[in-house]
Amino acid sequence: AALFSGATLAADQGSDFDRVEARYIDYSDIDGFGLNGRAMLSESIYFTADYSRLSEGGFDLDEILAGVGYKHDFSEKFTGFADVNLYYADAQDIDDDTGYAVQVGGVYRLNPAVEFSGLVRHLDNDIIGDSEQEYELSARWYINNQFSLSATYVDGFDSDWFDGYSIGAAWHF
């Protein structure tokens, strides 16, 4: 029973930025899997990386985001963050291209076992058009100090291309 209880978590309820996560992704017309992670480099600076492989029929899309960010703990329960990333996309039968992504968001730790987060992202890459803006809303349930489960909703402001959800499992280190 202790494995599935928030009471097994440490007293620090701040957001846990050090993690590696595997996800199943289901967007409007395409689905696949993803791996992402973040690692703190100092008290406020972190490295972030995200890989996704999406497919529909014979069409495949690989995306990679990698960059650095800054986080600030506004309180014991709320952390704000911003990061800048190199963005690479490789679409089958379409040229691959690099661009950039900028993200700004926040994480609210409701209690030791439940965390909510949201972000707004700007992507700039010729494969998806000149640019794309989207937002994400997530919920994370901590099973214990080292493992959590997540559910995320993603919506593109200007298109339906990235509308959908993902579910994932993370290891925290």
Protein backbone atom coordinates (compact mmCIF):
# COMPACT_ATOMS: atom_id res chain seq x y z
CA ALA A 1 0.00 0.00 0.00
CA ALA A 2 2.89 2.36 0.69
CA LEU A 3 4.02 2.03 -2.94
CA PHE A 4 0.84 3.74 -4.13
CA SER A 5 0.64 6.39 -1.43
CA GLY A 6 1.74 10.01 -1.67
CA ALA A 7 2.77 9.65 1.97
CA THR A 8 5.88 7.78 0.83
CA LEU A 9 7.21 10.94 -0.82
CA ALA A 10 9.75 13.19 0.80
CA ALA A 11 8.60 16.29 2.67
CA ASP A 12 9.82 18.53 -0.17
CA GLN A 13 6.80 19.03 -2.40
CA GLY A 14 8.56 21.15 -5.01
CA SER A 15 8.43 20.09 -8.64
CA ASP A 16 10.81 17.31 -9.60
CA PHE A 17 12.66 18.45 -12.75
CA ASP A 18 15.11 15.51 -12.84
CA ARG A 19 13.36 12.76 -14.80
CA VAL A 20 13.27 10.49 -17.83
CA GLU A 21 9.84 9.66 -19.28
CA ALA A 22 8.41 7.32 -21.93
CA ARG A 23 5.10 8.34 -23.53
CA TYR A 24 2.43 7.06 -25.87
CA ILE A 25 1.29 9.96 -28.12
CA ASP A 26 -2.03 10.20 -29.96
CA TYR A 27 -2.58 13.35 -32.04
CA SER A 28 -5.53 13.93 -34.36
CA ASP A 29 -4.25 12.02 -37.38
CA ILE A 30 -0.99 10.51 -36.18
CA ASP A 31 0.27 8.53 -33.18
CA GLY A 32 3.48 7.08 -31.84
CA PHE A 33 5.85 7.17 -28.90
CA GLY A 34 8.14 9.64 -27.24
CA LEU A 35 11.00 9.88 -24.77
CA ASN A 36 11.79 13.03 -22.84
CA GLY A 37 13.91 14.09 -19.95
CA ARG A 38 15.17 16.97 -17.90
CA ALA A 39 18.22 17.20 -15.68
CA MET A 40 19.16 20.03 -13.35
CA LEU A 41 22.61 21.45 -14.08
CA SER A 42 22.48 23.86 -11.13
CA GLU A 43 19.84 25.06 -8.69
CA SER A 44 18.03 27.00 -11.45
CA ILE A 45 19.44 25.87 -14.83
CA TYR A 46 18.36 22.62 -16.49
CA PHE A 47 18.94 20.62 -19.66
CA THR A 48 15.87 19.34 -21.51
CA ALA A 49 15.46 16.88 -24.39
CA ASP A 50 12.44 15.38 -26.12
CA TYR A 51 12.25 12.79 -28.91
CA SER A 52 9.07 11.61 -30.63
CA ARG A 53 8.42 9.13 -33.42
CA LEU A 54 4.96 9.55 -34.96
CA SER A 55 3.39 7.48 -37.76
CA GLU A 56 0.23 7.36 -39.84
CA GLY A 57 -0.02 4.76 -42.59
CA GLY A 58 3.27 4.99 -44.49
CA PHE A 59 4.14 8.47 -43.18
CA ASP A 60 6.72 8.82 -40.37
CA LEU A 61 7.75 11.95 -38.48
CA ASP A 62 10.72 12.16 -36.11
CA GLU A 63 11.06 15.23 -33.89
CA ILE A 64 13.83 16.21 -31.50
CA LEU A 65 13.89 19.17 -29.11
CA ALA A 66 17.00 19.80 -27.01
CA GLY A 67 17.94 22.87 -25.03
CA VAL A 68 18.50 24.62 -21.75
CA GLY A 69 16.11 26.33 -19.41
CA TYR A 70 15.71 28.33 -16.26
CA LYS A 71 13.31 27.52 -13.42
CA HIS A 72 12.31 29.60 -10.44
CA ASP A 73 10.49 28.33 -7.34
CA PHE A 74 7.94 31.04 -6.54
CA SER A 75 6.70 29.07 -3.51
CA GLU A 76 6.90 25.54 -2.08
CA LYS A 77 4.16 24.50 -4.48
CA PHE A 78 4.61 26.62 -7.63
CA THR A 79 7.56 26.66 -10.03
CA GLY A 80 7.82 28.72 -13.22
CA PHE A 81 10.14 27.83 -16.08
CA ALA A 82 11.29 28.91 -19.54
CA ASP A 83 13.55 27.13 -22.00
CA VAL A 84 15.05 27.59 -25.45
CA ASN A 85 15.55 24.55 -27.67
CA LEU A 86 17.02 23.48 -30.96
CA TYR A 87 14.20 21.80 -32.93
CA TYR A 88 14.84 19.13 -35.56
CA ALA A 89 12.13 17.43 -37.62
CA ASP A 90 12.50 14.69 -40.23
CA ALA A 91 9.34 13.85 -42.15
CA GLN A 92 9.27 10.92 -44.56
CA ASP A 93 9.37 12.06 -48.23
CA ILE A 94 9.88 15.67 -47.05
CA ASP A 95 13.21 17.35 -46.35
CA ASP A 96 14.41 17.40 -42.78
CA ASP A 97 14.87 20.79 -41.19
CA THR A 98 16.09 22.49 -38.06
CA GLY A 99 14.56 25.38 -36.23
CA TYR A 100 13.99 26.47 -32.67
CA ALA A 101 11.39 26.21 -29.93
CA VAL A 102 10.70 28.47 -26.95
CA GLN A 103 8.59 27.28 -24.01
CA VAL A 104 7.22 29.08 -20.95
CA GLY A 105 5.17 27.41 -18.24
CA GLY A 106 4.49 26.58 -14.65
CA VAL A 107 4.15 23.55 -12.38
CA TYR A 108 1.83 23.45 -9.36
CA ARG A 109 2.29 20.68 -6.77
CA LEU A 110 -1.15 20.19 -5.23
CA ASN A 111 0.09 17.65 -2.68
CA PRO A 112 2.93 15.12 -2.47
CA ALA A 113 1.23 12.81 -4.98
CA VAL A 114 -0.38 15.17 -7.53
CA GLU A 115 1.14 17.83 -9.77
CA PHE A 116 -0.43 19.99 -12.50
CA SER A 117 1.47 21.87 -15.18
CA GLY A 118 0.92 23.95 -18.25
CA LEU A 119 3.06 25.57 -20.92
CA VAL A 120 2.89 27.59 -24.08
CA ARG A 121 5.31 26.66 -26.88
CA HIS A 122 6.41 28.42 -30.08
CA LEU A 123 8.01 26.18 -32.75
CA ASP A 124 9.76 27.56 -35.80
CA ASN A 125 10.54 25.02 -38.54
CA ASP A 126 9.82 24.87 -42.29
CA ILE A 127 8.43 21.31 -42.15
CA ILE A 128 5.42 22.36 -40.08
CA GLY A 129 5.10 25.73 -41.81
CA ASP A 130 6.76 28.94 -40.77
CA SER A 131 5.79 28.51 -37.12
CA GLU A 132 3.40 26.75 -34.78
CA GLN A 133 2.10 27.74 -31.38
CA GLU A 134 0.62 25.24 -28.98
CA TYR A 135 -0.19 24.76 -25.34
CA GLU A 136 0.01 21.74 -23.05
CA LEU A 137 -1.93 20.94 -19.89
CA SER A 138 -0.66 18.02 -17.78
CA ALA A 139 -1.38 16.09 -14.62
CA ARG A 140 1.22 13.89 -12.91
CA TRP A 141 0.61 11.31 -10.21
CA TYR A 142 3.64 10.33 -8.11
CA ILE A 143 3.55 6.66 -7.16
CA ASN A 144 6.64 7.17 -4.99
CA ASN A 145 9.86 9.24 -5.02
CA GLN A 146 11.17 7.53 -8.14
CA PHE A 147 8.14 6.86 -10.36
CA SER A 148 5.19 8.85 -11.68
CA LEU A 149 2.44 8.56 -14.28
CA SER A 150 1.29 11.46 -16.46
CA ALA A 151 -1.50 12.51 -18.79
CA THR A 152 -1.06 15.49 -21.14
CA TYR A 153 -3.41 17.34 -23.48
CA VAL A 154 -1.84 19.29 -26.37
CA ASP A 155 -3.62 21.82 -28.60
CA GLY A 156 -2.19 23.80 -31.51
CA PHE A 157 -3.53 27.35 -31.60
CA ASP A 158 -3.36 27.68 -35.39
CA SER A 159 -3.89 24.11 -36.59
CA ASP A 160 -5.25 20.71 -35.70
CA TRP A 161 -1.95 18.98 -36.56
CA PHE A 162 -0.75 18.60 -32.95
CA ASP A 163 -4.10 18.36 -31.16
CA GLY A 164 -4.25 15.30 -28.96
CA TYR A 165 -2.91 13.69 -25.82
CA SER A 166 -0.13 11.59 -24.39
CA ILE A 167 0.17 9.28 -21.43
CA GLY A 168 3.48 8.44 -19.85
CA ALA A 169 5.52 6.88 -17.08
CA ALA A 170 8.57 8.60 -15.61
CA TRP A 171 11.59 7.65 -13.54
CA HIS A 172 12.84 10.45 -11.26
CA PHE A 173 16.50 10.60 -10.24
